[in-house]
Amino acid sequence: MTVETIRMSSRGQVVIPQDIRDEFHMKEGTVFAVVGSEDTVILKKISTPSKEELIKELGKIAIKGTKRAKTLGIKESDVPNIVHRIRREKRKR
């Protein structure tokens, strides 16, 4: 574990030391979740999926949805009516 001291700028910016950026493969544009509690601030690097990974995962979700619809006896032609019904129900809330 690397521990270093850094200082926040007048604009609220901090610089993550180069050796830590290198160790965790951080580069410009890396996205973080920031969590604060009492006197502790934690930066958690968030991995964003590549376009290919995202397409692959969406494909898996589509396959599961198709199987579930088949199990429930839902045909593709039923989908527009189901969507309209759910939207009406949401508007009533």
N, C-alpha and C. Protein backbone atom coordinates (compact mmCIF):
# COMPACT_ATOMS: atom_id res chain seq x y z
N MET A 1 0.85 -1.18 0.00
CA MET A 1 0.00 0.00 0.00
C MET A 1 0.89 1.24 0.00
N THR A 2 0.55 2.18 -0.86
CA THR A 2 1.30 3.42 -0.96
C THR A 2 0.55 4.52 -0.22
N VAL A 3 1.26 5.27 0.61
CA VAL A 3 0.66 6.39 1.33
C VAL A 3 1.46 7.64 1.00
N GLU A 4 0.76 8.67 0.53
CA GLU A 4 1.41 9.95 0.23
C GLU A 4 0.52 11.07 0.73
N THR A 5 1.10 12.24 0.91
CA THR A 5 0.35 13.42 1.33
C THR A 5 0.17 14.33 0.12
N ILE A 6 -1.06 14.80 -0.06
CA ILE A 6 -1.35 15.72 -1.16
C ILE A 6 -2.11 16.91 -0.60
N ARG A 7 -2.23 17.97 -1.39
CA ARG A 7 -2.91 19.18 -0.94
C ARG A 7 -4.00 19.54 -1.96
N MET A 8 -5.16 19.95 -1.45
CA MET A 8 -6.25 20.36 -2.32
C MET A 8 -6.04 21.80 -2.78
N SER A 9 -6.34 22.08 -4.06
CA SER A 9 -6.20 23.43 -4.60
C SER A 9 -7.39 24.29 -4.16
N SER A 10 -7.31 25.58 -4.46
CA SER A 10 -8.40 26.50 -4.11
C SER A 10 -9.68 26.15 -4.88
N ARG A 11 -9.56 25.40 -5.95
CA ARG A 11 -10.72 24.98 -6.75
C ARG A 11 -11.24 23.60 -6.34
N GLY A 12 -10.70 23.04 -5.25
CA GLY A 12 -11.16 21.75 -4.75
C GLY A 12 -10.55 20.57 -5.47
N GLN A 13 -9.48 20.79 -6.22
CA GLN A 13 -8.85 19.71 -6.98
C GLN A 13 -7.69 19.11 -6.21
N VAL A 14 -7.52 17.79 -6.38
CA VAL A 14 -6.36 17.11 -5.83
C VAL A 14 -5.70 16.33 -6.96
N VAL A 15 -4.41 16.14 -6.86
CA VAL A 15 -3.67 15.37 -7.86
C VAL A 15 -3.28 14.05 -7.24
N ILE A 16 -3.68 12.96 -7.89
CA ILE A 16 -3.29 11.63 -7.43
C ILE A 16 -1.84 11.43 -7.86
N PRO A 17 -0.94 11.10 -6.94
CA PRO A 17 0.47 10.95 -7.28
C PRO A 17 0.70 9.95 -8.43
N GLN A 18 1.69 10.25 -9.25
CA GLN A 18 1.99 9.47 -10.45
C GLN A 18 2.19 7.99 -10.16
N ASP A 19 2.93 7.65 -9.09
CA ASP A 19 3.18 6.23 -8.82
C ASP A 19 1.88 5.48 -8.51
N ILE A 20 0.93 6.15 -7.87
CA ILE A 20 -0.36 5.51 -7.60
C ILE A 20 -1.16 5.39 -8.89
N ARG A 21 -1.14 6.44 -9.73
CA ARG A 21 -1.84 6.37 -11.02
C ARG A 21 -1.28 5.23 -11.86
N ASP A 22 0.03 5.07 -11.85
CA ASP A 22 0.66 3.99 -12.63
C ASP A 22 0.27 2.62 -12.07
N GLU A 23 0.33 2.49 -10.76
CA GLU A 23 0.04 1.21 -10.11
C GLU A 23 -1.39 0.73 -10.41
N PHE A 24 -2.33 1.67 -10.45
CA PHE A 24 -3.74 1.32 -10.65
C PHE A 24 -4.22 1.60 -12.08
N HIS A 25 -3.30 1.85 -12.98
CA HIS A 25 -3.61 2.06 -14.40
C HIS A 25 -4.66 3.16 -14.59
N MET A 26 -4.43 4.30 -13.94
CA MET A 26 -5.34 5.43 -14.05
C MET A 26 -4.79 6.39 -15.10
N LYS A 27 -5.69 6.87 -15.95
CA LYS A 27 -5.27 7.84 -16.96
C LYS A 27 -6.33 8.92 -17.05
N GLU A 28 -6.08 9.92 -17.85
CA GLU A 28 -7.04 11.00 -18.03
C GLU A 28 -8.39 10.41 -18.43
N GLY A 29 -9.45 10.86 -17.77
CA GLY A 29 -10.78 10.37 -18.08
C GLY A 29 -11.24 9.22 -17.20
N THR A 30 -10.34 8.69 -16.36
CA THR A 30 -10.73 7.61 -15.45
C THR A 30 -11.85 8.13 -14.54
N VAL A 31 -12.87 7.31 -14.33
CA VAL A 31 -14.04 7.71 -13.55
C VAL A 31 -13.94 7.11 -12.14
N PHE A 32 -14.32 7.92 -11.14
CA PHE A 32 -14.27 7.49 -9.75
C PHE A 32 -15.61 7.72 -9.07
N ALA A 33 -15.94 6.86 -8.12
CA ALA A 33 -17.01 7.13 -7.17
C ALA A 33 -16.32 7.75 -5.96
N VAL A 34 -16.92 8.77 -5.38
CA VAL A 34 -16.33 9.45 -4.23
C VAL A 34 -17.27 9.26 -3.04
N VAL A 35 -16.72 8.75 -1.94
CA VAL A 35 -17.51 8.51 -0.74
C VAL A 35 -16.86 9.25 0.41
N GLY A 36 -17.66 9.99 1.16
CA GLY A 36 -17.14 10.71 2.31
C GLY A 36 -17.87 10.30 3.57
N SER A 37 -17.12 10.13 4.65
CA SER A 37 -17.70 9.79 5.94
C SER A 37 -16.81 10.37 7.02
N GLU A 38 -17.38 11.26 7.82
CA GLU A 38 -16.65 11.94 8.88
C GLU A 38 -15.40 12.59 8.31
N ASP A 39 -14.20 12.13 8.69
CA ASP A 39 -12.97 12.76 8.19
C ASP A 39 -12.27 11.91 7.14
N THR A 40 -13.01 11.02 6.48
CA THR A 40 -12.41 10.13 5.49
C THR A 40 -13.07 10.32 4.13
N VAL A 41 -12.25 10.40 3.09
CA VAL A 41 -12.74 10.47 1.71
C VAL A 41 -12.11 9.30 0.96
N ILE A 42 -12.95 8.54 0.26
CA ILE A 42 -12.47 7.38 -0.49
C ILE A 42 -12.79 7.58 -1.96
N LEU A 43 -11.79 7.37 -2.82
CA LEU A 43 -11.99 7.37 -4.26
C LEU A 43 -11.98 5.92 -4.72
N LYS A 44 -13.03 5.49 -5.41
CA LYS A 44 -13.11 4.13 -5.92
C LYS A 44 -13.13 4.20 -7.44
N LYS A 45 -12.11 3.61 -8.07
CA LYS A 45 -12.04 3.60 -9.52
C LYS A 45 -13.20 2.77 -10.06
N ILE A 46 -13.92 3.33 -11.01
CA ILE A 46 -15.04 2.63 -11.62
C ILE A 46 -14.62 2.17 -13.01
N SER A 47 -14.74 0.89 -13.24
CA SER A 47 -14.40 0.35 -14.55
C SER A 47 -15.61 0.48 -15.46
N THR A 48 -15.43 1.15 -16.58
CA THR A 48 -16.51 1.25 -17.55
C THR A 48 -16.27 0.22 -18.63
N PRO A 49 -17.32 -0.50 -19.01
CA PRO A 49 -17.14 -1.56 -20.01
C PRO A 49 -16.84 -0.99 -21.39
N SER A 50 -16.11 -1.76 -22.18
CA SER A 50 -15.85 -1.37 -23.56
C SER A 50 -17.14 -1.55 -24.35
N LYS A 51 -17.17 -1.00 -25.55
CA LYS A 51 -18.35 -1.13 -26.40
C LYS A 51 -18.67 -2.60 -26.65
N GLU A 52 -17.63 -3.39 -26.90
CA GLU A 52 -17.82 -4.81 -27.17
C GLU A 52 -18.39 -5.54 -25.96
N GLU A 53 -17.86 -5.22 -24.76
CA GLU A 53 -18.36 -5.84 -23.53
C GLU A 53 -19.83 -5.47 -23.29
N LEU A 54 -20.15 -4.21 -23.55
CA LEU A 54 -21.51 -3.74 -23.36
C LEU A 54 -22.47 -4.45 -24.31
N ILE A 55 -22.09 -4.58 -25.57
CA ILE A 55 -22.93 -5.27 -26.56
C ILE A 55 -23.13 -6.73 -26.16
N LYS A 56 -22.06 -7.36 -25.68
CA LYS A 56 -22.14 -8.76 -25.25
C LYS A 56 -23.12 -8.92 -24.09
N GLU A 57 -23.02 -8.03 -23.09
CA GLU A 57 -23.91 -8.10 -21.92
C GLU A 57 -25.36 -7.82 -22.31
N LEU A 58 -25.57 -6.83 -23.19
CA LEU A 58 -26.93 -6.53 -23.63
C LEU A 58 -27.52 -7.71 -24.40
N GLY A 59 -26.68 -8.41 -25.16
CA GLY A 59 -27.13 -9.61 -25.86
C GLY A 59 -27.59 -10.68 -24.89
N LYS A 60 -26.82 -10.87 -23.80
CA LYS A 60 -27.20 -11.85 -22.78
C LYS A 60 -28.55 -11.49 -22.15
N ILE A 61 -28.73 -10.19 -21.87
CA ILE A 61 -29.98 -9.73 -21.27
C ILE A 61 -31.15 -9.98 -22.23
N ALA A 62 -30.92 -9.71 -23.52
CA ALA A 62 -31.97 -9.92 -24.52
C ALA A 62 -32.36 -11.40 -24.59
N ILE A 63 -31.38 -12.28 -24.54
CA ILE A 63 -31.66 -13.72 -24.58
C ILE A 63 -32.48 -14.14 -23.36
N LYS A 64 -32.09 -13.66 -22.17
CA LYS A 64 -32.84 -13.98 -20.96
C LYS A 64 -34.28 -13.46 -21.06
N GLY A 65 -34.42 -12.24 -21.58
CA GLY A 65 -35.75 -11.65 -21.71
C GLY A 65 -36.62 -12.43 -22.68
N THR A 66 -36.02 -12.87 -23.77
CA THR A 66 -36.75 -13.67 -24.76
C THR A 66 -37.21 -14.99 -24.16
N LYS A 67 -36.32 -15.65 -23.42
CA LYS A 67 -36.68 -16.92 -22.77
C LYS A 67 -37.80 -16.71 -21.76
N ARG A 68 -37.70 -15.63 -20.97
CA ARG A 68 -38.71 -15.34 -19.95
C ARG A 68 -40.06 -15.05 -20.60
N ALA A 69 -40.05 -14.29 -21.69
CA ALA A 69 -41.29 -13.98 -22.40
C ALA A 69 -41.93 -15.25 -22.94
N LYS A 70 -41.10 -16.14 -23.47
CA LYS A 70 -41.61 -17.40 -24.01
C LYS A 70 -42.24 -18.23 -22.89
N THR A 71 -41.58 -18.27 -21.73
CA THR A 71 -42.10 -19.00 -20.57
C THR A 71 -43.46 -18.45 -20.15
N LEU A 72 -43.60 -17.12 -20.21
CA LEU A 72 -44.85 -16.47 -19.80
C LEU A 72 -45.90 -16.45 -20.91
N GLY A 73 -45.53 -16.94 -22.09
CA GLY A 73 -46.48 -16.96 -23.20
C GLY A 73 -46.68 -15.61 -23.86
N ILE A 74 -45.70 -14.72 -23.74
CA ILE A 74 -45.80 -13.38 -24.33
C ILE A 74 -45.22 -13.43 -25.74
N LYS A 75 -46.04 -12.99 -26.71
CA LYS A 75 -45.58 -12.94 -28.10
C LYS A 75 -45.05 -11.54 -28.40
N GLU A 76 -44.23 -11.42 -29.43
CA GLU A 76 -43.68 -10.12 -29.81
C GLU A 76 -44.80 -9.12 -30.10
N SER A 77 -45.88 -9.59 -30.68
CA SER A 77 -47.02 -8.70 -30.99
C SER A 77 -47.72 -8.18 -29.73
N ASP A 78 -47.51 -8.83 -28.58
CA ASP A 78 -48.10 -8.39 -27.31
C ASP A 78 -47.34 -7.22 -26.69
N VAL A 79 -46.10 -7.04 -27.07
CA VAL A 79 -45.21 -6.07 -26.40
C VAL A 79 -45.74 -4.64 -26.45
N PRO A 80 -46.17 -4.10 -27.60
CA PRO A 80 -46.66 -2.71 -27.59
C PRO A 80 -47.80 -2.48 -26.61
N ASN A 81 -48.75 -3.42 -26.54
CA ASN A 81 -49.87 -3.27 -25.59
C ASN A 81 -49.40 -3.32 -24.15
N ILE A 82 -48.45 -4.18 -23.86
CA ILE A 82 -47.90 -4.27 -22.50
C ILE A 82 -47.20 -2.97 -22.12
N VAL A 83 -46.41 -2.43 -23.04
CA VAL A 83 -45.70 -1.16 -22.80
C VAL A 83 -46.70 -0.04 -22.54
N HIS A 84 -47.75 0.07 -23.37
CA HIS A 84 -48.77 1.11 -23.18
C HIS A 84 -49.47 0.96 -21.83
N ARG A 85 -49.81 -0.28 -21.45
CA ARG A 85 -50.48 -0.51 -20.18
C ARG A 85 -49.60 -0.07 -19.00
N ILE A 86 -48.32 -0.44 -19.04
CA ILE A 86 -47.40 -0.08 -17.95
C ILE A 86 -47.21 1.43 -17.88
N ARG A 87 -47.09 2.08 -19.04
CA ARG A 87 -46.94 3.54 -19.04
C ARG A 87 -48.18 4.22 -18.45
N ARG A 88 -49.37 3.73 -18.79
CA ARG A 88 -50.60 4.29 -18.21
C ARG A 88 -50.60 4.14 -16.70
N GLU A 89 -50.21 2.96 -16.22
CA GLU A 89 -50.16 2.70 -14.78
C GLU A 89 -49.18 3.64 -14.08
N LYS A 90 -48.03 3.89 -14.72
CA LYS A 90 -47.03 4.79 -14.11
C LYS A 90 -47.56 6.22 -14.04
N ARG A 91 -48.28 6.66 -15.08
CA ARG A 91 -48.82 8.02 -15.09
C ARG A 91 -49.86 8.23 -14.00
N LYS A 92 -50.57 7.18 -13.63
CA LYS A 92 -51.60 7.27 -12.59
C LYS A 92 -50.99 7.48 -11.21
N ARG A 93 -49.76 7.07 -11.01
CA ARG A 93 -49.13 7.16 -9.69
C ARG A 93 -48.79 8.55 -9.31
